[in-house]
């Protein structure tokens, strides 16, 4: 769906070994100027760990999917795509260039 809309996608399984540490995944996303899209439970811990106060990951962009049914992920991202694109363009003009959006079943939040 993202590639259909002209966005480059780097699949974790193609870029890193399965089971790679979260630190390596986050650093790889940041170094590739990519948005880390995550829908596993560890992301709450990761988001807190790589929050605004962590200077090592101050440019990490994160799209966190917190859904009861992961099968809804594609549908919810499709619904939020124009917001994601808008926020990404907004971030281009920020010094820190950081995007942090959380998509839940009934709510979408953008943390600037």
N, C-alpha and C. Protein backbone atom coordinates (compact mmCIF):
# COMPACT_ATOMS: atom_id res chain seq x y z
N UNK A 1 0.82 -1.19 0.00
CA UNK A 1 0.00 0.00 0.00
C UNK A 1 0.87 1.26 0.00
N UNK A 2 1.93 1.27 0.79
CA UNK A 2 2.81 2.44 0.80
C UNK A 2 3.56 2.58 -0.52
N UNK A 3 4.03 1.47 -1.07
CA UNK A 3 4.73 1.53 -2.35
C UNK A 3 3.77 1.94 -3.46
N UNK A 4 2.52 1.52 -3.37
CA UNK A 4 1.51 1.91 -4.36
C UNK A 4 1.29 3.42 -4.38
N UNK A 5 1.58 4.07 -3.26
CA UNK A 5 1.42 5.52 -3.16
C UNK A 5 2.74 6.26 -3.35
N UNK A 6 3.73 5.57 -3.90
CA UNK A 6 4.99 6.22 -4.25
C UNK A 6 6.01 6.34 -3.14
N UNK A 7 5.82 5.62 -2.05
CA UNK A 7 6.75 5.69 -0.93
C UNK A 7 7.72 4.51 -0.97
N UNK A 8 8.97 4.79 -0.69
CA UNK A 8 9.98 3.73 -0.61
C UNK A 8 9.78 2.98 0.70
N UNK A 9 9.90 1.67 0.65
CA UNK A 9 9.72 0.84 1.83
C UNK A 9 10.95 -0.05 1.98
N UNK A 10 11.52 -0.05 3.17
CA UNK A 10 12.64 -0.95 3.49
C UNK A 10 12.07 -1.97 4.47
N UNK A 11 12.03 -3.22 4.05
CA UNK A 11 11.49 -4.27 4.93
C UNK A 11 12.58 -4.74 5.88
N UNK A 12 12.24 -4.83 7.14
CA UNK A 12 13.19 -5.23 8.16
C UNK A 12 13.87 -6.55 7.81
N UNK A 13 13.08 -7.50 7.33
CA UNK A 13 13.62 -8.83 7.01
C UNK A 13 14.64 -8.79 5.88
N UNK A 14 14.59 -7.75 5.06
CA UNK A 14 15.55 -7.62 3.96
C UNK A 14 16.77 -6.78 4.35
N UNK A 15 16.63 -5.96 5.38
CA UNK A 15 17.71 -5.06 5.77
C UNK A 15 18.54 -5.58 6.93
N UNK A 16 17.88 -6.27 7.85
CA UNK A 16 18.56 -6.75 9.04
C UNK A 16 18.17 -8.20 9.31
N UNK A 17 18.96 -8.82 10.15
CA UNK A 17 18.67 -10.20 10.54
C UNK A 17 17.45 -10.22 11.46
N UNK A 18 16.60 -11.23 11.29
CA UNK A 18 15.43 -11.38 12.15
C UNK A 18 15.88 -11.48 13.60
N UNK A 19 15.21 -10.78 14.48
CA UNK A 19 15.56 -10.79 15.89
C UNK A 19 16.63 -9.79 16.27
N UNK A 20 16.95 -8.87 15.35
CA UNK A 20 17.96 -7.85 15.65
C UNK A 20 17.50 -7.00 16.83
N UNK A 21 18.44 -6.51 17.63
CA UNK A 21 18.07 -5.68 18.79
C UNK A 21 17.34 -4.41 18.36
N UNK A 22 16.43 -3.94 19.21
CA UNK A 22 15.67 -2.73 18.92
C UNK A 22 16.58 -1.53 18.65
N UNK A 23 17.70 -1.46 19.37
CA UNK A 23 18.64 -0.34 19.15
C UNK A 23 19.13 -0.31 17.71
N UNK A 24 19.47 -1.48 17.17
CA UNK A 24 19.97 -1.56 15.80
C UNK A 24 18.87 -1.21 14.79
N UNK A 25 17.66 -1.67 15.06
CA UNK A 25 16.53 -1.37 14.18
C UNK A 25 16.28 0.14 14.15
N UNK A 26 16.27 0.75 15.33
CA UNK A 26 16.03 2.20 15.42
C UNK A 26 17.14 2.99 14.73
N UNK A 27 18.37 2.60 14.96
CA UNK A 27 19.49 3.30 14.35
C UNK A 27 19.48 3.16 12.83
N UNK A 28 19.13 1.98 12.33
CA UNK A 28 19.05 1.74 10.89
C UNK A 28 17.98 2.63 10.25
N UNK A 29 16.82 2.72 10.89
CA UNK A 29 15.75 3.58 10.37
C UNK A 29 16.20 5.04 10.35
N UNK A 30 16.81 5.46 11.43
CA UNK A 30 17.26 6.86 11.52
C UNK A 30 18.33 7.16 10.47
N UNK A 31 19.28 6.28 10.30
CA UNK A 31 20.37 6.50 9.34
C UNK A 31 19.87 6.52 7.90
N UNK A 32 18.77 5.83 7.63
CA UNK A 32 18.20 5.80 6.28
C UNK A 32 17.14 6.88 6.08
N UNK A 33 17.00 7.78 7.07
CA UNK A 33 16.01 8.85 7.01
C UNK A 33 14.63 8.27 6.71
N UNK A 34 14.34 7.16 7.40
CA UNK A 34 13.09 6.43 7.18
C UNK A 34 12.21 6.52 8.43
N UNK A 35 10.95 6.27 8.23
CA UNK A 35 10.01 6.19 9.35
C UNK A 35 9.96 4.73 9.79
N UNK A 36 10.24 4.49 11.06
CA UNK A 36 10.14 3.15 11.61
C UNK A 36 8.67 2.87 11.88
N UNK A 37 8.12 1.88 11.21
CA UNK A 37 6.73 1.49 11.40
C UNK A 37 6.74 0.24 12.26
N UNK A 38 6.10 0.31 13.41
CA UNK A 38 6.15 -0.81 14.34
C UNK A 38 4.78 -1.09 14.92
N UNK A 39 4.48 -2.37 15.03
CA UNK A 39 3.19 -2.74 15.62
C UNK A 39 3.35 -3.88 16.63
N UNK A 40 4.52 -3.95 17.27
CA UNK A 40 4.66 -4.95 18.31
C UNK A 40 4.62 -4.28 19.68
N UNK A 41 4.38 -5.08 20.70
CA UNK A 41 4.22 -4.56 22.06
C UNK A 41 5.45 -3.88 22.62
N UNK A 42 6.62 -4.25 22.13
CA UNK A 42 7.86 -3.66 22.62
C UNK A 42 7.96 -2.17 22.30
N UNK A 43 7.15 -1.71 21.39
CA UNK A 43 7.29 -0.33 20.93
C UNK A 43 6.93 0.69 22.01
N UNK A 44 6.08 0.32 22.98
CA UNK A 44 5.79 1.25 24.07
C UNK A 44 7.08 1.55 24.83
N UNK A 45 7.81 0.49 25.11
CA UNK A 45 9.08 0.64 25.81
C UNK A 45 10.06 1.40 24.93
N UNK A 46 10.10 1.03 23.64
CA UNK A 46 11.03 1.66 22.72
C UNK A 46 10.71 3.15 22.55
N UNK A 47 9.45 3.48 22.41
CA UNK A 47 9.05 4.88 22.23
C UNK A 47 9.46 5.70 23.45
N UNK A 48 9.27 5.14 24.63
CA UNK A 48 9.66 5.84 25.85
C UNK A 48 11.18 5.97 25.91
N UNK A 49 11.86 4.87 25.57
CA UNK A 49 13.32 4.84 25.61
C UNK A 49 13.92 5.85 24.64
N UNK A 50 13.34 5.96 23.44
CA UNK A 50 13.87 6.85 22.42
C UNK A 50 13.11 8.16 22.38
N UNK A 51 12.52 8.53 23.49
CA UNK A 51 11.74 9.77 23.55
C UNK A 51 12.58 11.00 23.32
N UNK A 52 11.98 12.12 23.53
CA UNK A 52 12.59 13.39 23.20
C UNK A 52 13.92 13.61 23.94
N UNK A 53 14.06 13.01 25.10
CA UNK A 53 15.27 13.25 25.89
C UNK A 53 16.47 12.44 25.42
N UNK A 54 16.28 11.43 24.61
CA UNK A 54 17.40 10.60 24.15
C UNK A 54 18.04 11.24 22.92
N UNK A 55 19.20 11.85 23.11
CA UNK A 55 19.84 12.58 22.01
C UNK A 55 20.35 11.67 20.90
N UNK A 56 20.66 10.43 21.21
CA UNK A 56 21.17 9.51 20.18
C UNK A 56 20.12 9.28 19.09
N UNK A 57 18.86 9.28 19.48
CA UNK A 57 17.78 8.99 18.53
C UNK A 57 16.88 10.21 18.32
N UNK A 58 17.44 11.38 18.45
CA UNK A 58 16.60 12.58 18.36
C UNK A 58 15.99 12.79 16.98
N UNK A 59 16.52 12.11 15.97
CA UNK A 59 15.95 12.25 14.62
C UNK A 59 15.21 11.00 14.18
N UNK A 60 14.96 10.08 15.11
CA UNK A 60 14.23 8.86 14.77
C UNK A 60 12.76 9.20 14.54
N UNK A 61 12.24 8.81 13.40
CA UNK A 61 10.82 8.98 13.11
C UNK A 61 10.12 7.65 13.33
N UNK A 62 9.01 7.70 14.04
CA UNK A 62 8.33 6.47 14.45
C UNK A 62 6.83 6.55 14.17
N UNK A 63 6.32 5.53 13.53
CA UNK A 63 4.88 5.34 13.37
C UNK A 63 4.54 4.11 14.19
N UNK A 64 3.86 4.32 15.29
CA UNK A 64 3.55 3.25 16.23
C UNK A 64 2.09 2.84 16.06
N UNK A 65 1.87 1.57 15.78
CA UNK A 65 0.52 1.04 15.60
C UNK A 65 0.14 0.26 16.85
N UNK A 66 -0.82 0.78 17.59
CA UNK A 66 -1.29 0.14 18.81
C UNK A 66 -2.73 -0.29 18.56
N UNK A 67 -2.88 -1.47 18.02
CA UNK A 67 -4.19 -1.95 17.59
C UNK A 67 -4.53 -3.27 18.26
N UNK A 68 -5.82 -3.46 18.56
CA UNK A 68 -6.25 -4.74 19.14
C UNK A 68 -6.04 -5.87 18.15
N UNK A 69 -6.31 -5.59 16.87
CA UNK A 69 -6.13 -6.59 15.82
C UNK A 69 -5.11 -6.06 14.82
N UNK A 70 -3.96 -6.71 14.74
CA UNK A 70 -2.92 -6.25 13.81
C UNK A 70 -3.38 -6.34 12.36
N UNK A 71 -4.41 -7.13 12.11
CA UNK A 71 -4.94 -7.24 10.75
C UNK A 71 -5.56 -5.92 10.29
N UNK A 72 -5.82 -5.02 11.21
CA UNK A 72 -6.39 -3.70 10.88
C UNK A 72 -5.31 -2.68 10.53
N UNK A 73 -4.04 -3.05 10.64
CA UNK A 73 -2.94 -2.10 10.45
C UNK A 73 -2.98 -1.44 9.07
N UNK A 74 -3.10 -2.22 8.03
CA UNK A 74 -3.11 -1.66 6.68
C UNK A 74 -4.26 -0.67 6.50
N UNK A 75 -5.43 -1.05 6.96
CA UNK A 75 -6.62 -0.21 6.85
C UNK A 75 -6.42 1.11 7.60
N UNK A 76 -5.89 1.04 8.83
CA UNK A 76 -5.70 2.25 9.63
C UNK A 76 -4.62 3.16 9.04
N UNK A 77 -3.56 2.56 8.49
CA UNK A 77 -2.51 3.38 7.86
C UNK A 77 -3.07 4.05 6.60
N UNK A 78 -3.89 3.32 5.84
CA UNK A 78 -4.52 3.93 4.66
C UNK A 78 -5.36 5.13 5.07
N UNK A 79 -6.10 5.01 6.17
CA UNK A 79 -6.92 6.11 6.65
C UNK A 79 -6.08 7.32 7.06
N UNK A 80 -4.90 7.06 7.56
CA UNK A 80 -4.05 8.13 8.10
C UNK A 80 -2.99 8.61 7.12
N UNK A 81 -2.95 8.06 5.92
CA UNK A 81 -1.86 8.34 5.00
C UNK A 81 -1.68 9.83 4.69
N UNK A 82 -2.76 10.54 4.45
CA UNK A 82 -2.60 11.97 4.13
C UNK A 82 -2.05 12.74 5.34
N UNK A 83 -2.45 12.35 6.55
CA UNK A 83 -1.90 12.98 7.75
C UNK A 83 -0.41 12.66 7.87
N UNK A 84 -0.04 11.41 7.64
CA UNK A 84 1.37 11.01 7.70
C UNK A 84 2.21 11.81 6.71
N UNK A 85 1.71 11.93 5.50
CA UNK A 85 2.43 12.68 4.47
C UNK A 85 2.57 14.16 4.85
N UNK A 86 1.50 14.72 5.39
CA UNK A 86 1.53 16.12 5.82
C UNK A 86 2.54 16.32 6.95
N UNK A 87 2.51 15.45 7.94
CA UNK A 87 3.43 15.56 9.07
C UNK A 87 4.88 15.37 8.63
N UNK A 88 5.12 14.47 7.67
CA UNK A 88 6.47 14.25 7.16
C UNK A 88 6.99 15.53 6.49
N UNK A 89 6.13 16.16 5.69
CA UNK A 89 6.53 17.42 5.03
C UNK A 89 6.78 18.51 6.07
N UNK A 90 5.95 18.55 7.10
CA UNK A 90 6.14 19.52 8.17
C UNK A 90 7.49 19.30 8.86
N UNK A 91 7.84 18.05 9.08
CA UNK A 91 9.10 17.71 9.76
C UNK A 91 10.32 18.08 8.94
N UNK A 92 10.17 18.13 7.62
CA UNK A 92 11.31 18.48 6.76
C UNK A 92 11.87 19.85 7.11
N UNK A 93 11.03 20.73 7.63
CA UNK A 93 11.44 22.09 7.93
C UNK A 93 11.87 22.29 9.38
N UNK A 94 11.78 21.22 10.16
CA UNK A 94 12.22 21.30 11.55
C UNK A 94 13.69 20.93 11.63
N UNK A 95 14.39 21.53 12.55
CA UNK A 95 15.81 21.24 12.71
C UNK A 95 16.02 19.78 13.10
N UNK A 96 15.19 19.25 13.97
CA UNK A 96 15.37 17.88 14.43
C UNK A 96 14.79 16.84 13.48
N UNK A 97 13.93 17.26 12.55
CA UNK A 97 13.25 16.37 11.60
C UNK A 97 12.86 15.05 12.25
N UNK A 98 11.84 15.09 13.03
CA UNK A 98 11.38 13.92 13.76
C UNK A 98 9.87 13.83 13.65
N UNK A 99 9.40 12.64 13.34
CA UNK A 99 7.97 12.39 13.24
C UNK A 99 7.63 11.31 14.25
N UNK A 100 6.58 11.51 15.02
CA UNK A 100 6.14 10.49 15.96
C UNK A 100 4.62 10.49 15.94
N UNK A 101 4.07 9.46 15.32
CA UNK A 101 2.61 9.32 15.22
C UNK A 101 2.22 7.96 15.78
N UNK A 102 1.16 7.97 16.57
CA UNK A 102 0.63 6.71 17.09
C UNK A 102 -0.79 6.53 16.55
N UNK A 103 -1.03 5.36 15.99
CA UNK A 103 -2.36 5.03 15.47
C UNK A 103 -2.96 3.95 16.36
N UNK A 104 -4.12 4.27 16.92
CA UNK A 104 -4.86 3.30 17.74
C UNK A 104 -6.15 2.97 17.02
N UNK A 105 -6.95 2.10 17.63
CA UNK A 105 -8.20 1.68 17.00
C UNK A 105 -9.15 2.86 16.76
N UNK A 106 -9.24 3.77 17.71
CA UNK A 106 -10.18 4.88 17.61
C UNK A 106 -9.53 6.26 17.64
N UNK A 107 -8.19 6.30 17.54
CA UNK A 107 -7.51 7.57 17.73
C UNK A 107 -6.19 7.60 16.97
N UNK A 108 -5.84 8.77 16.45
CA UNK A 108 -4.55 8.98 15.81
C UNK A 108 -3.93 10.21 16.48
N UNK A 109 -2.69 10.06 16.97
CA UNK A 109 -2.01 11.16 17.65
C UNK A 109 -0.70 11.49 16.97
N UNK A 110 -0.44 12.77 16.83
CA UNK A 110 0.84 13.23 16.29
C UNK A 110 1.52 14.04 17.38
N UNK A 111 2.72 13.63 17.75
CA UNK A 111 3.48 14.34 18.77
C UNK A 111 4.53 15.20 18.07
N UNK A 112 4.40 16.48 18.18
CA UNK A 112 5.37 17.39 17.57
C UNK A 112 6.31 17.83 18.64
